C-alpha cells in the first residue's frame, strides 16, 4: 500500500512492519527534523528568498509604491545612520 504522494523527510511512512526498520526510519526522521530546525542559515536563506519573491511580486503589481517603499526605507536607514554617528561624535 504505497501512494505516490511525496513524503517529507521528517515523516515516517505508514506500513512498516519490521520493528528494526521502523526504529531506523523513526530515528532518521527525527534527525532530519532536528537538522531542519537547527540549521539556522538554511532557514534564514529560505525566509530571505520568500521575502524577495514577495517584494518582487509587490513591485510588479504596484511599481510606483515599490519605488516609494525603496525611497522611504533608504531615508529611514540614512536617518538611523546619521543619528548613530551624531550620538557617537558627541
PDB file of N, CA and C in Angstrom:
ATOM      1  N   UNK A   1       0.828  -1.171   0.000  1.00  0.00           N
ATOM      2  CA  UNK A   1       0.000   0.000   0.000  1.00  0.00           C
ATOM      3  C   UNK A   1       0.876   1.239   0.000  1.00  0.00           C
ATOM      4  N   UNK A   2       1.319   1.614  -1.129  1.00  0.00           N
ATOM      5  CA  UNK A   2       2.167   2.778  -1.274  1.00  0.00           C
ATOM      6  C   UNK A   2       1.453   3.812  -2.124  1.00  0.00           C
ATOM      7  N   UNK A   3       1.585   5.073  -1.732  1.00  0.00           N
ATOM      8  CA  UNK A   3       0.994   6.126  -2.537  1.00  0.00           C
ATOM      9  C   UNK A   3       2.099   6.910  -3.217  1.00  0.00           C
ATOM     10  N   UNK A   4       1.739   7.669  -4.204  1.00  0.00           N
ATOM     11  CA  UNK A   4       2.718   8.441  -4.957  1.00  0.00           C
ATOM     12  C   UNK A   4       2.895   9.848  -4.409  1.00  0.00           C
ATOM     13  N   UNK A   5       2.254  10.153  -3.276  1.00  0.00           N
ATOM     14  CA  UNK A   5       2.395  11.470  -2.681  1.00  0.00           C
ATOM     15  C   UNK A   5       3.784  11.626  -2.091  1.00  0.00           C
ATOM     16  N   UNK A   6       4.381  12.801  -2.248  1.00  0.00           N
ATOM     17  CA  UNK A   6       5.710  12.999  -1.666  1.00  0.00           C
ATOM     18  C   UNK A   6       5.631  13.026  -0.141  1.00  0.00           C
ATOM     19  N   UNK A   7       6.572  12.377   0.485  1.00  0.00           N
ATOM     20  CA  UNK A   7       6.625  12.301   1.942  1.00  0.00           C
ATOM     21  C   UNK A   7       7.746  13.226   2.417  1.00  0.00           C
ATOM     22  N   UNK A   8       7.468  14.113   3.382  1.00  0.00           N
ATOM     23  CA  UNK A   8       8.538  14.965   3.894  1.00  0.00           C
ATOM     24  C   UNK A   8       9.657  14.134   4.512  1.00  0.00           C
ATOM     25  N   UNK A   9      10.854  14.705   4.543  1.00  0.00           N
ATOM     26  CA  UNK A   9      11.997  13.973   5.096  1.00  0.00           C
ATOM     27  C   UNK A   9      11.789  13.639   6.568  1.00  0.00           C
ATOM     28  N   UNK A  10      10.998  14.445   7.263  1.00  0.00           N
ATOM     29  CA  UNK A  10      10.810  14.228   8.691  1.00  0.00           C
ATOM     30  C   UNK A  10       9.580  13.378   9.003  1.00  0.00           C
ATOM     31  N   UNK A  11       8.977  12.751   8.012  1.00  0.00           N
ATOM     32  CA  UNK A  11       7.806  11.908   8.228  1.00  0.00           C
ATOM     33  C   UNK A  11       8.197  10.444   8.126  1.00  0.00           C
ATOM     34  N   UNK A  12       7.487   9.625   8.873  1.00  0.00           N
ATOM     35  CA  UNK A  12       7.708   8.178   8.844  1.00  0.00           C
ATOM     36  C   UNK A  12       6.604   7.563   7.992  1.00  0.00           C
ATOM     37  N   UNK A  13       6.965   6.843   6.934  1.00  0.00           N
ATOM     38  CA  UNK A  13       5.938   6.223   6.084  1.00  0.00           C
ATOM     39  C   UNK A  13       5.115   5.184   6.849  1.00  0.00           C
ATOM     40  N   UNK A  14       3.857   5.077   6.482  1.00  0.00           N
ATOM     41  CA  UNK A  14       2.958   4.114   7.122  1.00  0.00           C
ATOM     42  C   UNK A  14       3.146   2.755   6.454  1.00  0.00           C
ATOM     43  N   UNK A  15       2.998   1.688   7.241  1.00  0.00           N
ATOM     44  CA  UNK A  15       3.041   0.349   6.678  1.00  0.00           C
ATOM     45  C   UNK A  15       4.348  -0.382   6.891  1.00  0.00           C
ATOM     46  N   UNK A  16       5.217   0.124   7.752  1.00  0.00           N
ATOM     47  CA  UNK A  16       6.469  -0.580   8.042  1.00  0.00           C
ATOM     48  C   UNK A  16       6.172  -1.580   9.153  1.00  0.00           C
ATOM     49  N   UNK A  17       6.402  -2.873   8.869  1.00  0.00           N
ATOM     50  CA  UNK A  17       6.081  -3.920   9.834  1.00  0.00           C
ATOM     51  C   UNK A  17       7.286  -4.341  10.663  1.00  0.00           C
ATOM     52  N   UNK A  18       8.468  -4.292  10.098  1.00  0.00           N
ATOM     53  CA  UNK A  18       9.677  -4.720  10.799  1.00  0.00           C
ATOM     54  C   UNK A  18      10.043  -3.683  11.857  1.00  0.00           C
ATOM     55  N   UNK A  19      10.154  -4.084  13.143  1.00  0.00           N
ATOM     56  CA  UNK A  19      10.442  -3.110  14.197  1.00  0.00           C
ATOM     57  C   UNK A  19      11.813  -2.441  14.055  1.00  0.00           C
ATOM     58  N   UNK A  20      12.793  -3.175  13.524  1.00  0.00           N
ATOM     59  CA  UNK A  20      14.124  -2.590  13.352  1.00  0.00           C
ATOM     60  C   UNK A  20      14.087  -1.517  12.263  1.00  0.00           C
ATOM     61  N   UNK A  21      13.451  -1.833  11.156  1.00  0.00           N
ATOM     62  CA  UNK A  21      13.342  -0.862  10.066  1.00  0.00           C
ATOM     63  C   UNK A  21      12.525   0.340  10.520  1.00  0.00           C
ATOM     64  N   UNK A  22      11.470   0.093  11.293  1.00  0.00           N
ATOM     65  CA  UNK A  22      10.641   1.178  11.792  1.00  0.00           C
ATOM     66  C   UNK A  22      11.447   2.084  12.729  1.00  0.00           C
ATOM     67  N   UNK A  23      12.246   1.483  13.627  1.00  0.00           N
ATOM     68  CA  UNK A  23      13.068   2.274  14.547  1.00  0.00           C
ATOM     69  C   UNK A  23      14.100   3.098  13.790  1.00  0.00           C
ATOM     70  N   UNK A  24      14.730   2.495  12.802  1.00  0.00           N
ATOM     71  CA  UNK A  24      15.716   3.235  11.994  1.00  0.00           C
ATOM     72  C   UNK A  24      15.056   4.386  11.242  1.00  0.00           C
ATOM     73  N   UNK A  25      13.877   4.121  10.691  1.00  0.00           N
ATOM     74  CA  UNK A  25      13.160   5.159   9.953  1.00  0.00           C
ATOM     75  C   UNK A  25      12.748   6.295  10.871  1.00  0.00           C
ATOM     76  N   UNK A  26      12.272   5.955  12.072  1.00  0.00           N
ATOM     77  CA  UNK A  26      11.897   6.993  13.033  1.00  0.00           C
ATOM     78  C   UNK A  26      13.112   7.807  13.462  1.00  0.00           C
ATOM     79  N   UNK A  27      14.245   7.140  13.669  1.00  0.00           N
ATOM     80  CA  UNK A  27      15.465   7.852  14.038  1.00  0.00           C
ATOM     81  C   UNK A  27      15.909   8.781  12.910  1.00  0.00           C
ATOM     82  N   UNK A  28      15.856   8.271  11.690  1.00  0.00           N
ATOM     83  CA  UNK A  28      16.244   9.084  10.549  1.00  0.00           C
ATOM     84  C   UNK A  28      15.323  10.299  10.417  1.00  0.00           C
ATOM     85  N   UNK A  29      14.028  10.102  10.625  1.00  0.00           N
ATOM     86  CA  UNK A  29      13.075  11.203  10.542  1.00  0.00           C
ATOM     87  C   UNK A  29      13.310  12.216  11.654  1.00  0.00           C
ATOM     88  N   UNK A  30      13.607  11.720  12.860  1.00  0.00           N
ATOM     89  CA  UNK A  30      13.881  12.625  13.983  1.00  0.00           C
ATOM     90  C   UNK A  30      15.140  13.452  13.728  1.00  0.00           C
ATOM     91  N   UNK A  31      16.175  12.815  13.218  1.00  0.00           N
ATOM     92  CA  UNK A  31      17.412  13.542  12.913  1.00  0.00           C
ATOM     93  C   UNK A  31      17.184  14.567  11.802  1.00  0.00           C
ATOM     94  N   UNK A  32      16.375  14.218  10.818  1.00  0.00           N
ATOM     95  CA  UNK A  32      16.068  15.171   9.746  1.00  0.00           C
ATOM     96  C   UNK A  32      15.292  16.362  10.289  1.00  0.00           C
ATOM     97  N   UNK A  33      14.359  16.098  11.209  1.00  0.00           N
ATOM     98  CA  UNK A  33      13.593  17.194  11.803  1.00  0.00           C
ATOM     99  C   UNK A  33      14.492  18.095  12.651  1.00  0.00           C
ATOM    100  N   UNK A  34      15.415  17.503  13.397  1.00  0.00           N
ATOM    101  CA  UNK A  34      16.360  18.292  14.192  1.00  0.00           C
ATOM    102  C   UNK A  34      17.245  19.129  13.285  1.00  0.00           C
ATOM    103  N   UNK A  35      17.698  18.538  12.190  1.00  0.00           N
ATOM    104  CA  UNK A  35      18.539  19.284  11.256  1.00  0.00           C
ATOM    105  C   UNK A  35      17.778  20.453  10.645  1.00  0.00           C
ATOM    106  N   UNK A  36      16.519  20.230  10.289  1.00  0.00           N
ATOM    107  CA  UNK A  36      15.704  21.306   9.720  1.00  0.00           C
ATOM    108  C   UNK A  36      15.557  22.449  10.717  1.00  0.00           C
ATOM    109  N   UNK A  37      15.318  22.102  11.969  1.00  0.00           N
ATOM    110  CA  UNK A  37      15.080  23.119  12.981  1.00  0.00           C
ATOM    111  C   UNK A  37      16.359  23.836  13.390  1.00  0.00           C
ATOM    112  N   UNK A  38      17.471  23.132  13.427  1.00  0.00           N
ATOM    113  CA  UNK A  38      18.719  23.697  13.932  1.00  0.00           C
ATOM    114  C   UNK A  38      19.546  24.390  12.857  1.00  0.00           C
ATOM    115  N   UNK A  39      19.246  24.170  11.606  1.00  0.00           N
ATOM    116  CA  UNK A  39      20.036  24.750  10.531  1.00  0.00           C
ATOM    117  C   UNK A  39      19.558  26.177  10.265  1.00  0.00           C
ATOM    118  N   UNK A  40      20.054  27.105  11.075  1.00  0.00           N
ATOM    119  CA  UNK A  40      19.614  28.498  11.001  1.00  0.00           C
ATOM    120  C   UNK A  40      19.990  29.147   9.670  1.00  0.00           C
ATOM    121  N   UNK A  41      21.193  28.954   9.153  1.00  0.00           N
ATOM    122  CA  UNK A  41      21.496  29.592   7.861  1.00  0.00           C
ATOM    123  C   UNK A  41      20.542  29.175   6.746  1.00  0.00           C
ATOM    124  N   UNK A  42      20.163  27.932   6.712  1.00  0.00           N
ATOM    125  CA  UNK A  42      19.229  27.474   5.682  1.00  0.00           C
ATOM    126  C   UNK A  42      17.857  28.113   5.883  1.00  0.00           C
ATOM    127  N   UNK A  43      17.419  28.217   7.143  1.00  0.00           N
ATOM    128  CA  UNK A  43      16.125  28.829   7.424  1.00  0.00           C
ATOM    129  C   UNK A  43      16.132  30.304   7.062  1.00  0.00           C
ATOM    130  N   UNK A  44      17.239  30.984   7.360  1.00  0.00           N
ATOM    131  CA  UNK A  44      17.353  32.404   7.018  1.00  0.00           C
ATOM    132  C   UNK A  44      17.358  32.559   5.499  1.00  0.00           C
ATOM    133  N   UNK A  45      18.056  31.672   4.813  1.00  0.00           N
ATOM    134  CA  UNK A  45      18.102  31.727   3.356  1.00  0.00           C
ATOM    135  C   UNK A  45      16.710  31.540   2.756  1.00  0.00           C
ATOM    136  N   UNK A  46      15.964  30.582   3.274  1.00  0.00           N
ATOM    137  CA  UNK A  46      14.602  30.361   2.774  1.00  0.00           C
ATOM    138  C   UNK A  46      13.716  31.570   3.039  1.00  0.00           C
ATOM    139  N   UNK A  47      13.805  32.127   4.256  1.00  0.00           N
ATOM    140  CA  UNK A  47      12.988  33.295   4.589  1.00  0.00           C
ATOM    141  C   UNK A  47      13.365  34.487   3.715  1.00  0.00           C
ATOM    142  N   UNK A  48      14.652  34.645   3.454  1.00  0.00           N
ATOM    143  CA  UNK A  48      15.104  35.734   2.590  1.00  0.00           C
ATOM    144  C   UNK A  48      14.578  35.549   1.171  1.00  0.00           C
ATOM    145  N   UNK A  49      14.666  34.334   0.661  1.00  0.00           N
ATOM    146  CA  UNK A  49      14.160  34.061  -0.691  1.00  0.00           C
ATOM    147  C   UNK A  49      12.660  34.326  -0.787  1.00  0.00           C
ATOM    148  N   UNK A  50      11.904  33.925   0.255  1.00  0.00           N
ATOM    149  CA  UNK A  50      10.462  34.179   0.257  1.00  0.00           C
ATOM    150  C   UNK A  50      10.177  35.674   0.311  1.00  0.00           C
ATOM    151  N   UNK A  51      10.938  36.406   1.119  1.00  0.00           N
ATOM    152  CA  UNK A  51      10.751  37.850   1.212  1.00  0.00           C
ATOM    153  C   UNK A  51      11.063  38.551  -0.099  1.00  0.00           C
ATOM    154  N   UNK A  52      12.118  38.123  -0.763  1.00  0.00           N
ATOM    155  CA  UNK A  52      12.477  38.700  -2.062  1.00  0.00           C
ATOM    156  C   UNK A  52      11.386  38.409  -3.088  1.00  0.00           C
ATOM    157  N   UNK A  53      10.866  37.200  -3.068  1.00  0.00           N
ATOM    158  CA  UNK A  53       9.797  36.849  -4.013  1.00  0.00           C
ATOM    159  C   UNK A  53       8.550  37.701  -3.761  1.00  0.00           C
ATOM    160  N   UNK A  54       8.206  37.913  -2.483  1.00  0.00           N
ATOM    161  CA  UNK A  54       7.050  38.755  -2.159  1.00  0.00           C
ATOM    162  C   UNK A  54       7.285  40.192  -2.592  1.00  0.00           C
ATOM    163  N   UNK A  55       8.507  40.699  -2.364  1.00  0.00           N
ATOM    164  CA  UNK A  55       8.822  42.074  -2.760  1.00  0.00           C
ATOM    165  C   UNK A  55       8.753  42.233  -4.277  1.00  0.00           C
ATOM    166  N   UNK A  56       9.255  41.258  -5.008  1.00  0.00           N
ATOM    167  CA  UNK A  56       9.197  41.336  -6.475  1.00  0.00           C
ATOM    168  C   UNK A  56       7.754  41.310  -6.975  1.00  0.00           C
ATOM    169  N   UNK A  57       6.931  40.472  -6.353  1.00  0.00           N
ATOM    170  CA  UNK A  57       5.518  40.422  -6.731  1.00  0.00           C
ATOM    171  C   UNK A  57       4.848  41.753  -6.436  1.00  0.00           C
ATOM    172  N   UNK A  58       5.161  42.336  -5.275  1.00  0.00           N
ATOM    173  CA  UNK A  58       4.588  43.635  -4.912  1.00  0.00           C
ATOM    174  C   UNK A  58       4.995  44.710  -5.910  1.00  0.00           C
ATOM    175  N   UNK A  59       6.270  44.720  -6.304  1.00  0.00           N
ATOM    176  CA  UNK A  59       6.758  45.733  -7.239  1.00  0.00           C
ATOM    177  C   UNK A  59       6.145  45.531  -8.626  1.00  0.00           C
ATOM    178  N   UNK A  60       5.930  44.285  -9.019  1.00  0.00           N
ATOM    179  CA  UNK A  60       5.297  44.037 -10.323  1.00  0.00           C
ATOM    180  C   UNK A  60       3.858  44.542 -10.344  1.00  0.00           C
ATOM    181  N   UNK A  61       3.162  44.391  -9.216  1.00  0.00           N
ATOM    182  CA  UNK A  61       1.768  44.830  -9.152  1.00  0.00           C
ATOM    183  C   UNK A  61       1.663  46.340  -8.979  1.00  0.00           C
ATOM    184  N   UNK A  62       2.543  46.927  -8.167  1.00  0.00           N
ATOM    185  CA  UNK A  62       2.498  48.358  -7.849  1.00  0.00           C
ATOM    186  C   UNK A  62       3.879  48.973  -7.993  1.00  0.00           C
ATOM    187  N   UNK A  63       4.304  49.295  -9.200  1.00  0.00           N
ATOM    188  CA  UNK A  63       5.664  49.822  -9.375  1.00  0.00           C
ATOM    189  C   UNK A  63       5.889  51.151  -8.657  1.00  0.00           C
ATOM    190  N   UNK A  64       4.893  52.035  -8.657  1.00  0.00           N
ATOM    191  CA  UNK A  64       5.064  53.340  -8.002  1.00  0.00           C
ATOM    192  C   UNK A  64       5.220  53.165  -6.493  1.00  0.00           C
ATOM    193  N   UNK A  65       4.414  52.302  -5.908  1.00  0.00           N
ATOM    194  CA  UNK A  65       4.531  52.059  -4.471  1.00  0.00           C
ATOM    195  C   UNK A  65       5.848  51.362  -4.137  1.00  0.00           C
ATOM    196  N   UNK A  66       6.338  50.534  -5.054  1.00  0.00           N
ATOM    197  CA  UNK A  66       7.631  49.885  -4.845  1.00  0.00           C
ATOM    198  C   UNK A  66       8.754  50.892  -4.794  1.00  0.00           C
ATOM    199  N   UNK A  67       8.732  51.849  -5.708  1.00  0.00           N
ATOM    200  CA  UNK A  67       9.755  52.897  -5.716  1.00  0.00           C
ATOM    201  C   UNK A  67       9.643  53.739  -4.444  1.00  0.00           C
ATOM    202  N   UNK A  68       8.411  54.052  -4.047  1.00  0.00           N
ATOM    203  CA  UNK A  68       8.206  54.836  -2.826  1.00  0.00           C
ATOM    204  C   UNK A  68       8.713  54.078  -1.602  1.00  0.00           C
ATOM    205  N   UNK A  69       8.503  52.776  -1.566  1.00  0.00           N
ATOM    206  CA  UNK A  69       8.979  51.973  -0.439  1.00  0.00           C
ATOM    207  C   UNK A  69      10.499  51.951  -0.387  1.00  0.00           C
ATOM    208  N   UNK A  70      11.149  51.859  -1.529  1.00  0.00           N
ATOM    209  CA  UNK A  70      12.615  51.875  -1.568  1.00  0.00           C
ATOM    210  C   UNK A  70      13.139  53.220  -1.086  1.00  0.00           C
ATOM    211  N   UNK A  71      12.524  54.311  -1.542  1.00  0.00           N
ATOM    212  CA  UNK A  71      12.967  55.636  -1.121  1.00  0.00           C
ATOM    213  C   UNK A  71      12.741  55.830   0.374  1.00  0.00           C
ATOM    214  N   UNK A  72      11.591  55.396   0.877  1.00  0.00           N
ATOM    215  CA  UNK A  72      11.300  55.532   2.307  1.00  0.00           C
ATOM    216  C   UNK A  72      12.259  54.711   3.152  1.00  0.00           C
ATOM    217  N   UNK A  73      12.548  53.489   2.721  1.00  0.00           N
ATOM    218  CA  UNK A  73      13.470  52.660   3.511  1.00  0.00           C
ATOM    219  C   UNK A  73      14.882  53.229   3.458  1.00  0.00           C
ATOM    220  N   UNK A  74      15.287  53.797   2.338  1.00  0.00           N
ATOM    221  CA  UNK A  74      16.608  54.422   2.254  1.00  0.00           C
ATOM    222  C   UNK A  74      16.673  55.643   3.169  1.00  0.00           C
ATOM    223  N   UNK A  75      15.583  56.394   3.244  1.00  0.00           N
ATOM    224  CA  UNK A  75      15.549  57.551   4.136  1.00  0.00           C
ATOM    225  C   UNK A  75      15.625  57.122   5.595  1.00  0.00           C
ATOM    226  N   UNK A  76      14.940  56.054   5.944  1.00  0.00           N
ATOM    227  CA  UNK A  76      14.981  55.566   7.320  1.00  0.00           C
ATOM    228  C   UNK A  76      16.382  55.080   7.674  1.00  0.00           C
ATOM    229  N   UNK A  77      17.002  54.327   6.788  1.00  0.00           N
ATOM    230  CA  UNK A  77      18.361  53.841   7.044  1.00  0.00           C
ATOM    231  C   UNK A  77      19.320  55.020   7.169  1.00  0.00           C
ATOM    232  N   UNK A  78      19.184  55.998   6.292  1.00  0.00           N
ATOM    233  CA  UNK A  78      20.037  57.181   6.367  1.00  0.00           C
ATOM    234  C   UNK A  78      19.847  57.932   7.673  1.00  0.00           C
ATOM    235  N   UNK A  79      18.604  58.067   8.113  1.00  0.00           N
ATOM    236  CA  UNK A  79      18.340  58.760   9.379  1.00  0.00           C
ATOM    237  C   UNK A  79      18.921  58.004  10.565  1.00  0.00           C
ATOM    238  N   UNK A  80      18.820  56.689  10.539  1.00  0.00           N
ATOM    239  CA  UNK A  80      19.381  55.890  11.632  1.00  0.00           C
ATOM    240  C   UNK A  80      20.894  56.018  11.659  1.00  0.00           C
ATOM    241  N   UNK A  81      21.535  55.918  10.503  1.00  0.00           N
ATOM    242  CA  UNK A  81      22.992  56.052  10.435  1.00  0.00           C
ATOM    243  C   UNK A  81      23.408  57.447  10.896  1.00  0.00           C
ATOM    244  N   UNK A  82      22.696  58.474  10.443  1.00  0.00           N
ATOM    245  CA  UNK A  82      23.007  59.841  10.852  1.00  0.00           C
ATOM    246  C   UNK A  82      22.866  59.990  12.363  1.00  0.00           C
ATOM    247  N   UNK A  83      21.792  59.422  12.926  1.00  0.00           N
ATOM    248  CA  UNK A  83      21.579  59.503  14.377  1.00  0.00           C
ATOM    249  C   UNK A  83      22.667  58.787  15.157  1.00  0.00           C
ATOM    250  N   UNK A  84      23.083  57.633  14.697  1.00  0.00           N
ATOM    251  CA  UNK A  84      24.139  56.881  15.384  1.00  0.00           C
ATOM    252  C   UNK A  84      25.462  57.637  15.313  1.00  0.00           C
ATOM    253  N   UNK A  85      25.796  58.161  14.163  1.00  0.00           N
ATOM    254  CA  UNK A  85      27.047  58.906  14.019  1.00  0.00           C
ATOM    255  C   UNK A  85      27.013  60.169  14.859  1.00  0.00           C
ATOM    256  N   UNK A  86      25.908  60.849  14.875  1.00  0.00           N
ATOM    257  CA  UNK A  86      25.801  62.068  15.675  1.00  0.00           C
ATOM    258  C   UNK A  86      25.912  61.756  17.157  1.00  0.00           C
ATOM    259  N   UNK A  87      25.265  60.678  17.605  1.00  0.00           N
ATOM    260  CA  UNK A  87      25.369  60.299  19.015  1.00  0.00           C
ATOM    261  C   UNK A  87      26.790  59.880  19.360  1.00  0.00           C
ATOM    262  N   UNK A  88      27.479  59.239  18.456  1.00  0.00           N
ATOM    263  CA  UNK A  88      28.857  58.787  18.700  1.00  0.00           C
ATOM    264  C   UNK A  88      29.820  59.953  18.779  1.00  0.00           C
ATOM    265  N   UNK A  89      29.607  60.958  17.941  1.00  0.00           N
ATOM    266  CA  UNK A  89      30.564  62.086  17.906  1.00  0.00           C
ATOM    267  C   UNK A  89      30.320  63.095  19.038  1.00  0.00           C
ATOM    268  N   UNK A  90      29.242  63.000  19.748  1.00  0.00           N
ATOM    269  CA  UNK A  90      29.003  63.925  20.864  1.00  0.00           C
ATOM    270  C   UNK A  90      29.755  63.548  22.071  1.00  0.00           C
TER     271      UNK A  90
END
